[in-house]
Protein backbone atom coordinates (compact mmCIF):
# COMPACT_ATOMS: atom_id res chain seq x y z
CA MET A 1 0.18 124.62 -135.71
CA PHE A 2 2.62 125.85 -133.12
CA SER A 3 6.30 125.36 -133.52
CA PHE A 4 8.24 122.84 -131.46
CA ARG A 5 10.61 125.63 -130.50
CA VAL A 6 7.85 127.73 -128.98
CA MET A 7 6.66 124.79 -126.86
CA MET A 8 10.20 123.96 -125.81
CA ALA A 9 10.79 127.55 -124.82
CA ALA A 10 7.60 127.54 -122.74
CA GLY A 11 8.67 124.25 -121.13
CA GLY A 12 12.09 125.71 -120.32
CA ALA A 13 10.45 128.74 -118.78
CA LEU A 14 8.30 126.44 -116.65
CA GLY A 15 11.30 124.50 -115.41
CA ALA A 16 13.27 127.65 -114.61
CA HIS A 17 10.34 129.17 -112.80
CA ALA A 18 9.81 126.07 -110.78
CA GLN A 19 13.39 126.31 -109.52
CA GLN A 20 12.79 130.00 -108.67
CA LEU A 21 9.70 129.01 -106.74
CA ALA A 22 11.48 126.33 -104.76
CA ALA A 23 14.15 128.81 -103.73
CA GLU A 24 11.51 131.39 -102.82
CA MET A 25 9.56 128.95 -100.61
CA SER A 26 12.66 128.47 -98.46
CA GLU A 27 12.73 132.15 -97.53
CA ARG A 28 9.10 132.69 -96.70
CA GLU A 29 8.35 133.87 -93.24
CA SER A 30 5.30 134.12 -91.02
CA TYR A 31 3.99 136.93 -88.90
CA GLY A 32 2.88 136.54 -85.29
CA PRO A 33 0.06 138.32 -83.52
CA SER A 34 0.52 141.24 -81.20
CA ILE A 35 -1.68 142.44 -78.28
CA PHE A 36 -4.60 144.51 -79.43
CA SER A 37 -3.78 144.00 -83.09
CA GLU A 38 -6.49 143.86 -85.70
CA PRO A 39 -7.02 140.66 -87.59
CA ALA A 40 -4.43 139.01 -89.64
CA GLY A 41 -4.87 139.67 -93.32
CA PRO A 42 -5.52 137.12 -96.01
CA GLY A 43 -3.31 134.07 -96.17
CA GLY A 44 -2.97 131.13 -98.53
CA GLU A 45 0.67 130.80 -99.35
CA ALA A 46 0.66 126.99 -99.19
CA GLY A 47 -0.74 126.91 -102.72
CA ASP A 48 1.53 129.53 -104.25
CA VAL A 49 3.74 127.01 -106.12
CA VAL A 50 0.79 125.28 -107.78
CA MET A 51 -0.84 128.63 -108.49
CA GLU A 52 2.26 130.13 -110.12
CA VAL A 53 2.93 127.08 -112.32
CA GLY A 54 -0.71 127.38 -113.28
CA LEU A 55 -0.02 131.05 -114.18
CA LEU A 56 2.56 130.01 -116.72
CA LEU A 57 0.34 127.40 -118.26
CA GLY A 58 -2.43 129.94 -118.34
CA LEU A 59 -0.19 132.36 -120.15
CA ILE A 60 0.39 129.86 -122.84
CA ALA A 61 -3.32 129.20 -123.10
CA VAL A 62 -4.14 132.88 -123.40
CA THR A 63 -1.68 133.46 -126.13
CA LEU A 64 -2.78 130.35 -128.05
CA GLY A 65 -6.19 131.97 -128.28
CA LEU A 66 -8.27 129.65 -126.13
CA SER A 67 -11.81 130.54 -125.29
CA ARG A 68 -12.63 133.13 -122.62
CA THR A 69 -14.02 130.40 -120.43
CA SER A 70 -10.66 128.68 -120.47
CA ARG A 71 -8.91 131.92 -119.77
CA LYS A 72 -10.94 132.45 -116.65
CA SER A 73 -9.40 129.38 -115.10
CA ILE A 74 -5.96 131.06 -114.93
CA ALA A 75 -4.91 131.50 -111.32
CA ALA A 76 -2.99 134.53 -110.12
CA PRO A 77 -0.68 134.21 -107.14
CA GLU A 78 -2.35 134.21 -103.76
CA PRO A 79 -1.67 136.73 -100.97
CA GLU A 80 0.71 135.77 -98.22
CA ALA A 81 -0.26 134.47 -94.81
CA GLY A 82 -0.02 136.57 -91.74
CA ASP A 83 -0.82 140.05 -92.92
CA VAL A 84 -1.55 141.82 -89.67
CA VAL A 85 -3.10 145.29 -89.27
CA GLU A 86 -2.25 146.91 -85.94
CA ARG A 87 -5.12 148.35 -83.97
CA SER A 88 -6.51 148.20 -80.55
CA PRO A 89 -9.85 146.52 -80.29
CA ALA A 90 -11.07 149.66 -78.64
CA THR A 91 -10.18 151.66 -81.68
CA ALA A 92 -12.84 152.36 -84.27
CA PRO A 93 -12.28 150.97 -87.73
CA THR A 94 -10.74 153.11 -90.48
CA ARG A 95 -13.02 155.89 -91.74
CA LEU A 96 -15.61 154.31 -94.05
CA ILE A 97 -15.75 155.64 -97.56
CA THR A 98 -19.13 155.23 -99.00
CA ALA A 99 -18.64 156.98 -102.33
CA ALA A 100 -17.80 154.33 -104.86
CA ARG A 101 -17.01 156.69 -107.69
CA VAL A 102 -15.02 159.94 -107.53
CA PRO A 103 -14.69 162.01 -110.72
CA ALA A 104 -11.13 161.93 -111.94
CA GLN A 105 -9.17 162.30 -115.15
CA ARG A 106 -7.81 159.06 -116.63
CA ARG A 107 -4.09 159.25 -117.22
CA PRO A 108 -3.25 158.55 -120.83
CA ALA A 109 -2.38 154.93 -121.40
CA ALA A 110 -0.60 153.44 -124.38
CA ALA A 111 -2.73 151.79 -127.01
CA ARG A 112 -3.02 148.06 -126.55
CA PRO A 113 -0.88 146.18 -129.08
CA PRO A 114 -1.66 142.76 -130.49
CA SER A 115 -1.08 139.83 -128.16
CA ALA A 116 2.59 139.29 -127.31
CA PRO A 117 4.27 136.01 -128.29
CA VAL A 118 3.89 133.24 -125.76
CA VAL A 119 7.51 133.05 -124.82
CA SER A 120 7.54 136.82 -124.12
CA ALA A 121 4.48 136.59 -121.84
CA VAL A 122 5.90 133.67 -119.94
CA ALA A 123 9.35 135.26 -119.67
CA THR A 124 7.83 138.48 -118.45
CA ASN A 125 5.94 136.73 -115.71
CA GLN A 126 9.11 134.80 -114.82
CA ARG A 127 11.03 138.06 -114.52
CA ILE A 128 8.32 139.59 -112.24
CA CYS A 129 8.34 136.54 -109.98
CA ALA A 130 12.12 136.50 -109.79
CA CYS A 131 12.21 140.04 -108.35
CA HIS A 132 12.92 140.61 -104.64
CA SER A 133 11.57 144.09 -104.25
CA ALA A 134 8.95 146.43 -105.67
CA GLY A 135 11.79 148.56 -107.01
CA GLU A 136 12.83 145.68 -109.28
CA ILE A 137 9.29 145.13 -110.66
CA LEU A 138 8.49 148.75 -111.48
CA PRO A 139 11.06 149.01 -114.33
CA ILE A 140 9.50 145.89 -115.93
CA VAL A 141 6.07 147.67 -115.89
CA SER A 142 7.65 150.66 -117.51
CA GLU A 143 9.53 148.55 -120.06
CA PHE A 144 6.54 146.46 -121.27
CA GLY A 145 3.62 148.82 -120.50
CA ALA A 146 0.57 147.88 -122.57
CA LEU A 147 2.27 144.63 -123.69
CA LEU A 148 1.52 143.19 -120.23
CA ASN A 149 -1.46 140.94 -120.33
CA GLU A 150 -3.98 140.41 -117.49
CA VAL A 151 -1.97 137.71 -115.78
CA ASN A 152 1.20 139.82 -115.90
CA LEU A 153 -0.74 142.73 -114.39
CA ALA A 154 -2.24 140.58 -111.61
CA THR A 155 1.22 139.13 -110.81
CA ALA A 156 2.85 142.56 -110.76
CA LEU A 157 0.20 144.04 -108.44
CA HIS A 158 0.45 141.07 -106.06
CA ARG A 159 4.28 140.96 -106.06
CA ILE A 160 4.76 144.66 -105.54
CA ALA A 161 2.44 144.55 -102.47
CA LYS A 162 4.02 141.33 -101.20
CA HIS A 163 7.61 142.71 -101.37
CA THR A 164 6.64 146.09 -99.97
CA LYS A 165 5.08 144.43 -96.94
CA ARG A 166 7.88 141.76 -96.54
CA ASN A 167 10.61 144.37 -96.81
CA GLN A 168 8.74 146.72 -94.41
CA ALA A 169 9.04 149.47 -96.99
CA ASP A 170 6.86 152.60 -96.99
CA PRO A 171 4.15 151.96 -99.65
CA ARG A 172 4.29 155.63 -100.56
CA THR A 173 7.77 155.16 -102.05
CA VAL A 174 6.00 152.94 -104.60
CA THR A 175 2.58 154.55 -105.00
CA ALA A 176 4.17 157.97 -105.81
CA THR A 177 5.90 156.60 -108.90
CA SER A 178 4.75 156.95 -112.48
CA GLU A 179 5.27 153.18 -112.98
CA TRP A 180 2.73 152.40 -110.20
CA ARG A 181 0.21 154.77 -111.72
CA LEU A 182 0.79 153.22 -115.14
CA LEU A 183 0.20 149.77 -113.64
CA LEU A 184 -3.07 150.76 -112.04
CA ASP A 185 -4.27 152.42 -115.25
CA LEU A 186 -3.50 149.26 -117.24
CA ALA A 187 -5.12 147.10 -114.54
CA ALA A 188 -8.25 149.23 -114.38
CA ASP A 189 -8.53 149.03 -118.21
CA ARG A 190 -8.26 145.31 -118.30
CA LEU A 191 -9.72 144.26 -114.97
CA GLN A 192 -12.69 142.70 -116.65
CA GLU A 193 -10.27 140.19 -118.19
CA PHE A 194 -8.77 139.16 -114.83
CA ASN A 195 -9.91 135.83 -113.46
CA VAL A 196 -11.64 135.83 -110.06
CA GLN A 197 -8.39 135.00 -108.22
CA GLY A 198 -6.75 137.95 -109.88
CA ILE A 199 -9.61 140.22 -108.88
CA SER A 200 -9.44 139.23 -105.20
CA ASN A 201 -5.66 139.60 -105.35
CA ALA A 202 -6.11 143.14 -106.64
CA PHE A 203 -8.25 143.87 -103.64
CA TRP A 204 -5.57 142.52 -101.36
CA ALA A 205 -2.71 144.41 -103.08
CA LEU A 206 -4.53 147.74 -102.92
CA ALA A 207 -5.31 147.31 -99.20
CA THR A 208 -1.74 146.26 -98.46
CA MET A 209 -0.40 149.31 -100.32
CA LYS A 210 -2.93 151.54 -98.51
CA VAL A 211 -4.42 152.77 -101.77
CA GLY A 212 -8.14 153.59 -101.43
CA PRO A 213 -10.87 154.83 -103.73
CA GLN A 214 -10.01 158.44 -102.96
CA ASP A 215 -6.56 157.79 -104.40
CA GLU A 216 -7.49 155.73 -107.44
CA PRO A 217 -11.19 156.21 -108.22
CA LEU A 218 -10.88 154.67 -111.73
CA MET A 219 -9.45 151.42 -110.35
CA PHE A 220 -12.10 151.18 -107.68
CA ASP A 221 -14.83 151.91 -110.12
CA ALA A 222 -13.57 148.99 -112.24
CA LEU A 223 -13.31 146.86 -109.10
CA ARG A 224 -16.84 147.65 -108.29
CA ARG A 225 -18.13 146.63 -111.69
CA VAL A 226 -16.22 143.36 -111.84
CA THR A 227 -17.10 142.42 -108.24
CA LEU A 228 -20.85 142.86 -108.85
CA THR A 229 -20.69 140.62 -111.93
CA THR A 230 -18.23 137.97 -110.86
CA ALA A 231 -18.40 137.64 -107.05
CA ALA A 232 -20.59 134.56 -107.32
CA GLN A 233 -17.56 132.78 -108.84
CA PHE A 234 -15.12 133.74 -106.07
CA GLN A 235 -13.52 131.00 -104.00
CA PRO A 236 -13.94 131.18 -100.19
CA GLN A 237 -10.46 132.67 -99.78
CA GLY A 238 -11.11 135.25 -102.42
CA LEU A 239 -14.32 136.31 -100.78
CA ALA A 240 -12.62 136.66 -97.40
CA ASN A 241 -9.61 138.49 -98.86
CA SER A 242 -11.87 140.95 -100.71
CA ALA A 243 -14.04 141.68 -97.68
CA TRP A 244 -10.84 142.11 -95.56
CA ALA A 245 -9.52 144.61 -98.09
CA CYS A 246 -12.72 146.63 -98.08
CA ALA A 247 -12.68 146.81 -94.30
CA THR A 248 -8.95 147.67 -94.17
CA LEU A 249 -9.48 150.53 -96.57
CA GLY A 250 -12.79 151.58 -95.08
CA TRP A 251 -14.43 151.14 -98.45
CA ALA A 252 -18.09 150.70 -97.47
CA ASP A 253 -19.58 150.69 -100.95
CA SER A 254 -23.02 149.27 -100.19
CA ALA A 255 -23.39 147.29 -103.36
CA VAL A 256 -19.95 145.71 -103.12
CA VAL A 257 -20.31 144.94 -99.40
CA SER A 258 -23.78 143.51 -99.74
CA THR A 259 -22.75 141.37 -102.70
CA LEU A 260 -19.73 139.93 -100.89
CA ALA A 261 -21.81 139.27 -97.83
CA ALA A 262 -24.54 137.50 -99.81
CA VAL A 263 -22.07 135.25 -101.70
CA SER A 264 -20.11 134.52 -98.52
CA LYS A 265 -23.27 133.49 -96.78
CA ASN A 266 -23.99 130.96 -99.52
CA HIS A 267 -20.54 129.43 -99.43
CA ILE A 268 -19.76 129.73 -95.72
CA ALA A 269 -19.72 125.93 -95.21
CA ASN A 270 -16.59 125.79 -97.35
CA PHE A 271 -14.68 128.44 -95.43
CA ASN A 272 -11.64 127.49 -93.39
CA ALA A 273 -10.70 129.00 -90.03
CA GLN A 274 -8.81 132.00 -91.48
CA ASP A 275 -11.59 132.71 -93.96
CA LEU A 276 -14.22 132.67 -91.21
CA ALA A 277 -12.12 134.94 -88.94
CA ASN A 278 -11.29 137.44 -91.67
CA THR A 279 -14.89 137.48 -92.97
CA ALA A 280 -16.37 138.10 -89.49
CA TRP A 281 -13.82 140.81 -88.74
CA ALA A 282 -14.31 142.55 -92.08
CA PHE A 283 -18.12 142.77 -91.91
CA ALA A 284 -18.06 143.82 -88.23
CA ALA A 285 -15.45 146.56 -89.03
CA LEU A 286 -17.61 147.75 -91.91
CA LYS A 287 -20.62 147.71 -89.53
CA HIS A 288 -22.54 145.55 -91.97
CA ASP A 289 -24.98 143.91 -89.64
CA ASP A 290 -26.15 140.82 -91.55
CA ILE A 291 -27.59 138.63 -88.79
CA ALA A 292 -27.89 135.62 -91.10
CA LEU A 293 -24.22 135.90 -92.08
CA PHE A 294 -22.95 136.13 -88.53
CA SER A 295 -25.24 133.30 -87.51
CA ALA A 296 -23.81 131.16 -90.33
CA VAL A 297 -20.27 132.10 -89.31
CA ALA A 298 -20.99 131.05 -85.74
CA LYS A 299 -22.56 127.74 -86.64
CA THR A 300 -19.73 126.90 -89.02
CA ALA A 301 -16.96 127.96 -86.65
CA VAL A 302 -18.13 126.42 -83.36
CA PRO A 303 -17.34 122.72 -84.15
CA TYR A 304 -13.78 123.68 -85.34
CA LEU A 305 -12.74 126.30 -82.78
CA ASN A 306 -9.96 124.07 -81.44
CA SER A 307 -8.25 124.23 -84.91
CA PHE A 308 -8.29 128.07 -84.99
CA LYS A 309 -4.96 129.79 -84.58
CA THR A 310 -4.56 132.28 -81.75
CA GLN A 311 -5.01 135.40 -83.83
CA GLU A 312 -7.97 133.87 -85.70
CA LEU A 313 -9.78 133.03 -82.49
CA SER A 314 -9.10 136.54 -81.16
CA ASN A 315 -10.30 138.17 -84.39
CA LEU A 316 -13.42 136.07 -84.45
CA VAL A 317 -14.59 136.96 -80.95
CA TRP A 318 -13.65 140.58 -81.52
CA ALA A 319 -15.94 140.69 -84.52
CA PHE A 320 -18.97 139.30 -82.68
CA LYS A 321 -18.31 141.72 -79.80
CA SER A 322 -17.94 144.73 -82.11
CA ARG A 323 -21.14 143.81 -83.90
CA ARG A 324 -23.04 143.78 -80.62
CA GLN A 325 -21.50 147.06 -79.50
CA HIS A 326 -22.61 148.76 -82.71
CA GLY A 327 -26.17 147.84 -82.15
CA GLY A 328 -26.33 144.63 -84.04
CA VAL A 329 -29.29 142.41 -83.19
CA ALA A 330 -28.27 139.44 -81.02
CA SER A 331 -28.46 136.18 -82.79
CA ASN A 332 -29.82 133.07 -81.16
CA ASP A 333 -26.43 131.51 -81.85
CA ASP A 334 -24.49 134.18 -79.93
CA PRO A 335 -24.59 132.56 -76.45
CA THR A 336 -23.53 129.20 -77.87
CA PHE A 337 -20.71 130.83 -79.86
CA PHE A 338 -19.35 132.90 -76.97
CA ASP A 339 -19.48 129.90 -74.65
CA ALA A 340 -17.65 127.76 -77.21
CA VAL A 341 -14.97 130.44 -77.69
CA GLY A 342 -14.36 130.72 -73.94
CA THR A 343 -14.18 126.92 -73.59
CA ALA A 344 -11.72 126.59 -76.54
CA ALA A 345 -9.52 129.42 -75.22
CA ALA A 346 -9.50 128.04 -71.68
CA ARG A 347 -8.17 124.74 -73.00
CA ARG A 348 -5.24 126.51 -74.67
CA VAL A 349 -4.25 128.98 -72.02
CA ARG A 350 -0.77 127.42 -71.67
CA GLU A 351 -0.05 127.75 -75.34
CA MET A 352 -1.63 131.20 -76.09
CA PRO A 353 0.18 134.48 -75.53
CA LEU A 354 -1.24 136.53 -72.69
CA GLY A 355 -2.05 139.39 -75.10
CA ALA A 356 -4.36 137.12 -77.11
CA LEU A 357 -6.06 135.81 -73.96
CA VAL A 358 -6.57 139.37 -72.78
CA ASN A 359 -8.07 140.35 -76.17
CA ILE A 360 -10.57 137.49 -75.80
CA ALA A 361 -11.36 138.46 -72.24
CA TRP A 362 -11.93 142.04 -73.28
CA SER A 363 -14.22 141.00 -76.11
CA LEU A 364 -16.27 138.63 -73.92
CA ALA A 365 -16.72 141.30 -71.33
CA ALA A 366 -17.61 144.00 -73.83
CA ALA A 367 -20.27 141.64 -75.26
CA GLY A 368 -21.55 140.99 -71.75
CA GLN A 369 -20.68 137.26 -71.88
CA THR A 370 -19.47 135.77 -68.65
CA HIS A 371 -17.43 132.57 -68.95
CA GLU A 372 -16.21 131.79 -65.39
CA VAL A 373 -14.05 128.84 -66.39
CA PHE A 374 -12.18 130.93 -68.95
CA PHE A 375 -11.71 133.97 -66.66
CA ASP A 376 -10.63 131.77 -63.77
CA THR A 377 -8.11 129.94 -65.91
CA VAL A 378 -6.70 133.18 -67.36
CA CYS A 379 -6.48 134.85 -63.94
CA ASN A 380 -4.71 131.75 -62.50
CA SER A 381 -2.27 131.94 -65.45
CA VAL A 382 -1.49 135.54 -64.65
CA THR A 383 -0.64 134.77 -61.03
CA GLU A 384 2.00 132.23 -62.24
CA ARG A 385 3.79 134.70 -64.47
CA VAL A 386 6.98 136.51 -63.44
CA SER A 387 5.71 139.83 -64.73
CA VAL A 388 2.66 141.23 -66.43
CA GLY A 389 2.56 144.36 -68.67
CA SER A 390 0.51 147.28 -67.52
CA GLN A 391 -1.80 147.24 -70.58
CA GLU A 392 -2.51 143.58 -70.24
CA LEU A 393 -3.13 143.83 -66.51
CA ALA A 394 -5.38 146.92 -66.82
CA THR A 395 -7.45 145.37 -69.62
CA LEU A 396 -7.94 142.07 -67.77
CA LEU A 397 -8.95 143.97 -64.63
CA TRP A 398 -11.39 145.98 -66.63
CA ALA A 399 -12.91 142.87 -68.22
CA SER A 400 -13.18 141.05 -64.89
CA ALA A 401 -14.81 144.03 -63.13
CA THR A 402 -17.22 144.62 -66.07
CA LEU A 403 -18.52 141.10 -65.49
CA ARG A 404 -18.19 141.46 -61.66
CA PHE A 405 -15.75 138.57 -61.63
CA ARG A 406 -13.59 139.02 -58.56
CA HIS A 407 -10.38 136.93 -58.50
CA SER A 408 -8.19 137.42 -55.41
CA GLY A 409 -5.05 136.22 -57.18
CA LEU A 410 -5.49 138.76 -59.99
CA LEU A 411 -6.07 141.59 -57.46
CA SER A 412 -2.92 140.56 -55.59
CA VAL A 413 -0.85 140.64 -58.81
CA ALA A 414 -2.36 144.01 -59.64
CA THR A 415 -1.38 145.45 -56.19
CA SER A 416 2.19 144.33 -56.40
CA THR A 417 2.53 145.52 -60.02
CA ILE A 418 1.12 148.95 -59.25
CA ILE A 419 3.33 149.45 -56.22
CA SER A 420 6.46 148.55 -58.26
CA GLN A 421 5.71 150.10 -61.68
CA ALA A 422 2.66 152.44 -61.57
CA SER A 423 4.83 155.11 -63.25
CA THR A 424 4.84 152.99 -66.44
CA PHE A 425 1.02 152.98 -66.70
CA SER A 426 -0.55 154.94 -69.49
CA PRO A 427 -3.47 157.35 -68.67
CA GLN A 428 -5.85 154.75 -69.99
CA ASP A 429 -4.30 151.98 -67.95
CA LEU A 430 -4.54 154.15 -64.81
CA ALA A 431 -8.17 154.95 -65.43
CA SER A 432 -9.10 151.31 -66.23
CA THR A 433 -7.28 149.92 -63.15
CA SER A 434 -8.77 152.42 -60.74
CA TRP A 435 -12.31 151.91 -62.26
CA ALA A 436 -11.87 148.11 -61.85
CA PHE A 437 -10.84 148.52 -58.21
CA ALA A 438 -13.81 150.76 -57.42
CA THR A 439 -16.29 148.50 -59.33
CA LEU A 440 -15.09 145.52 -57.38
CA ARG A 441 -14.94 147.57 -54.17
CA TYR A 442 -11.26 146.64 -53.71
CA CYS A 443 -9.20 149.29 -51.96
CA ASP A 444 -5.52 148.91 -51.14
CA ARG A 445 -4.33 152.31 -49.81
CA GLN A 446 -0.78 152.02 -50.99
CA SER A 447 -1.85 151.05 -54.47
CA MET A 448 -4.33 153.96 -54.67
CA GLU A 449 -1.61 156.36 -53.51
CA LYS A 450 0.67 155.07 -56.34
CA LEU A 451 -2.10 155.40 -58.88
CA ALA A 452 -2.75 159.00 -57.71
CA GLU A 453 0.95 159.87 -58.11
CA ALA A 454 1.06 158.37 -61.53
CA ALA A 455 -2.11 160.18 -62.57
CA LEU A 456 -0.70 163.49 -61.44
CA ALA A 457 2.40 162.88 -63.54
CA THR A 458 0.25 162.29 -66.63
CA GLN A 459 -2.44 164.89 -66.02
CA ASP A 460 -1.58 166.82 -69.22
CA ARG A 461 -2.40 163.64 -71.27
CA LEU A 462 -5.70 162.71 -69.53
CA HIS A 463 -8.71 162.73 -71.83
CA PRO A 464 -12.32 163.23 -70.56
CA PRO A 465 -13.23 159.53 -69.96
CA ALA A 466 -10.00 159.03 -68.01
CA ILE A 467 -10.65 162.19 -65.93
CA SER A 468 -14.17 161.18 -65.01
CA ASN A 469 -13.16 157.54 -64.31
CA LEU A 470 -10.34 158.54 -62.00
CA LEU A 471 -12.62 160.98 -60.14
CA TRP A 472 -15.45 158.47 -59.77
CA SER A 473 -13.11 155.63 -58.71
CA PHE A 474 -11.32 157.47 -55.99
CA ALA A 475 -14.54 159.02 -54.66
CA THR A 476 -16.31 155.64 -54.68
CA LEU A 477 -13.51 154.08 -52.65
CA GLY A 478 -13.41 157.03 -50.31
CA VAL A 479 -9.88 158.00 -51.17
CA PHE A 480 -9.96 161.78 -51.36
CA HIS A 481 -6.42 162.60 -52.47
CA ALA A 482 -6.44 166.39 -52.09
CA GLU A 483 -3.86 167.21 -54.78
CA LEU A 484 -5.35 164.73 -57.24
CA PHE A 485 -8.90 166.08 -56.87
CA THR A 486 -7.65 169.66 -57.19
CA GLN A 487 -5.80 168.93 -60.41
CA LEU A 488 -8.62 166.78 -61.83
CA GLY A 489 -11.11 169.51 -60.90
CA SER A 490 -9.04 171.99 -62.97
CA ALA A 491 -9.00 169.45 -65.81
CA VAL A 492 -12.80 169.27 -65.60
CA ILE A 493 -13.12 173.06 -65.92
CA ALA A 494 -10.85 172.96 -69.04
CA ASN A 495 -12.50 169.91 -70.60
CA ALA A 496 -16.19 169.93 -69.50
CA PRO A 497 -17.50 170.97 -72.96
CA LYS A 498 -16.01 167.73 -74.35
CA PHE A 499 -17.59 165.50 -71.70
CA ASN A 500 -20.29 163.06 -72.66
CA VAL A 501 -23.36 162.33 -70.53
CA ALA A 502 -21.61 159.55 -68.54
CA ASP A 503 -18.56 161.73 -67.90
CA VAL A 504 -20.76 164.58 -66.57
CA VAL A 505 -22.70 162.37 -64.19
CA ALA A 506 -19.62 160.53 -62.81
CA SER A 507 -17.56 163.65 -62.44
CA ALA A 508 -20.34 165.67 -60.73
CA THR A 509 -21.03 162.86 -58.29
CA ALA A 510 -17.30 162.61 -57.42
CA ILE A 511 -16.45 166.33 -57.24
CA SER A 512 -19.44 167.11 -55.04
CA LYS A 513 -17.84 165.01 -52.33
CA SER A 514 -14.33 166.37 -52.61
CA GLY A 515 -14.54 169.81 -51.07
CA THR A 516 -11.53 171.25 -52.86
CA ALA A 517 -10.86 174.87 -53.74
CA VAL A 518 -12.02 174.25 -57.31
CA THR A 519 -15.23 172.35 -56.44
CA ALA A 520 -17.63 175.27 -57.17
CA ASP A 521 -16.08 176.22 -60.50
CA ALA A 522 -15.83 172.59 -61.59
CA MET A 523 -19.48 171.97 -60.67
CA LYS A 524 -20.55 175.07 -62.63
CA ALA A 525 -18.63 173.84 -65.72
CA LEU A 526 -20.30 170.45 -65.37
CA GLY A 527 -23.66 172.02 -65.01
CA ASP A 528 -23.22 173.90 -68.24
CA ALA A 529 -22.23 170.63 -69.92
CA ALA A 530 -25.30 168.89 -68.52
CA VAL A 531 -27.57 171.58 -69.89
CA SER A 532 -25.99 171.17 -73.30
CA HIS A 533 -26.82 167.47 -73.10
CA LYS A 534 -30.33 167.92 -71.62
CA ASP A 535 -32.04 166.11 -74.44
CA SER A 536 -29.78 163.03 -73.95
CA LEU A 537 -29.96 162.87 -70.17
CA THR A 538 -32.44 160.39 -68.70
CA PRO A 539 -34.59 161.30 -65.66
CA SER A 540 -32.27 159.06 -63.52
CA ALA A 541 -29.23 161.03 -64.68
CA TRP A 542 -30.88 164.30 -63.88
CA VAL A 543 -31.65 163.04 -60.34
CA ALA A 544 -28.03 162.12 -59.87
CA ILE A 545 -26.78 165.49 -61.11
CA VAL A 546 -29.26 167.50 -59.05
CA THR A 547 -28.31 165.46 -55.95
CA ALA A 548 -24.61 166.18 -56.60
CA PHE A 549 -25.23 169.97 -56.94
CA LEU A 550 -27.24 170.03 -53.75
CA ALA A 551 -24.48 168.07 -51.93
CA ALA A 552 -21.85 170.49 -53.20
CA LYS A 553 -24.14 173.39 -52.24
CA VAL A 554 -23.80 174.86 -55.69
CA ASN A 555 -26.90 176.62 -57.08
CA HIS A 556 -27.09 176.16 -60.86
CA VAL A 557 -30.40 177.63 -61.97
CA ALA A 558 -30.28 176.17 -65.51
CA VAL A 559 -29.64 172.71 -64.20
CA PHE A 560 -32.42 172.88 -61.60
CA THR A 561 -34.88 174.30 -64.10
CA ALA A 562 -34.13 171.62 -66.71
CA ALA A 563 -34.33 168.88 -64.12
CA ILE A 564 -37.79 169.92 -62.91
CA ALA A 565 -39.07 170.22 -66.45
CA ILE A 566 -37.83 166.81 -67.47
CA VAL A 567 -38.22 164.71 -64.34
CA ARG A 568 -41.46 166.36 -63.23
CA ASP A 569 -43.20 164.08 -60.71
CA GLY A 570 -40.78 161.26 -61.22
CA GLU A 571 -43.19 158.86 -63.00
CA ARG A 572 -40.30 157.35 -64.94
CA LEU A 573 -38.03 156.88 -61.92
CA SER A 574 -37.40 153.60 -60.07
CA MET A 575 -38.92 153.07 -56.69
CA LYS A 576 -35.46 153.60 -55.17
CA GLN A 577 -34.92 156.95 -56.90
CA LEU A 578 -38.40 158.38 -56.36
CA PRO A 579 -37.97 159.38 -52.68
CA VAL A 580 -34.53 160.82 -53.50
CA TRP A 581 -36.03 163.05 -56.13
CA THR A 582 -38.98 164.01 -53.91
CA ALA A 583 -36.56 165.39 -51.33
CA ALA A 584 -34.28 166.93 -53.92
CA ARG A 585 -37.13 168.63 -55.70
CA ALA A 586 -38.25 170.42 -52.57
CA GLN A 587 -34.72 171.80 -52.13
CA VAL A 588 -34.51 172.78 -55.79
CA GLU A 589 -37.82 174.61 -55.68
CA ALA A 590 -36.60 176.47 -52.60
CA CYS A 591 -33.38 177.49 -54.42
CA LEU A 592 -35.39 178.74 -57.38
CA ALA A 593 -37.90 180.66 -55.33
């Protein structure tokens, strides 16, 4: 029998903790989206009060020696809403780590003592929850060490990560401490005793603290084992949070990722908007192409898209776009999904930030999905704004041009913005804008002059795709700015070995028409680059390159020889290219004779 004093003490702890929770709820904040940010992290703060009261009750149950089944019902605190990871949609995901286990020496941990008294366990958790920074929790870890039970450990992990993020502290100030290392050793040793909520919270905490398997192999080895055996019991939010953490850390352990995907697929009907968005983003970032999973996400999400928050909608469409870009097989549900996303976003143009709308436009364009109502609505919205940022403008122009969607109002805004603030454009913005103008065959001489001046001012920061896009754009529009072509030609000579196939073809075509002092040297550098890519160049690309060299009157024997060997009689060319090659081949053979 348990003493009345013990039960009263536990009840008093519950009451005191409830007051602490009420005070804490009043200070909780939210985090808004930013342009080109990666998906918001796991949420679920609405249930924190219930969860944490359940923690205290669970602590009593654990200490009273209830069965393991009962102990598994203990709930650890949920992660906070609005955890945003900044990254441009154009940026590749974090480096994927496929090795699940890395040999390492376990740090010595104190022997586990008998279970602590119930009041001590409850009081310890109350102290952890009452802290306002990671620095206040770490001494508690040091003080109690192996006396901390599984719920104390789960709470400490979650709260340290929560406060580090909320206080915008550098995680390294925590992860470099001996107390943090002790906490992870204890957690790894007892992770099999965590309930499923505690396991998913451990995933979230590690991702938030930027601690990966290369840092703590023992902890991730333990996470791997418990995930494979308990994932089927995870709640939807726990599944989404765990997948999000794997993607955030780039932990592409095939067994873990496949298990989370399989279980998520089975429970997808119970996922809410944030779970769906985080799940889609995570598996797209991990390049886990499970067509059945993405099809299930699409079918589940479409009827409820109007209830998705701005960031969730943006993350969702980014995931489907990214999957397609990485070679994922198109699902029969993709057209319906993209059309529904465009329709839902078009209805909310007035309430959504321009950055989020541009993200969606970028994703639709990259996926090759034209939604004229959405693009028309967004472009109209841009024309009504007092000012538009260069990145937002350049990206929307790129998306519109990719889909060959020409909107006169958007082009007018672009012209006035470039004339007044081209100097604020980044190299990527300059390249995207000029490429969009050339693709849409829109040429405003004053705007092009401003773009050229801005490009010259940033020439030291131009990367190969920007160099080739600028060259191709100005040449396509017939704007041969002598100084720009001379400087870009010099940049080609310096960077040609880094050019990919598309950069080589575009640059050669443009430079061959420029007639600058560096034309011959630039063409020779591009010819060397083409030969280095000869196994990747299609017959059509070879025809374009040979035609450019003949136009520039530059004889490159290796280019001509490779072209004849690969293109031969032009049997793989289109009817339009065949006569071009026939004429070019005659000239090439004369040059080689």
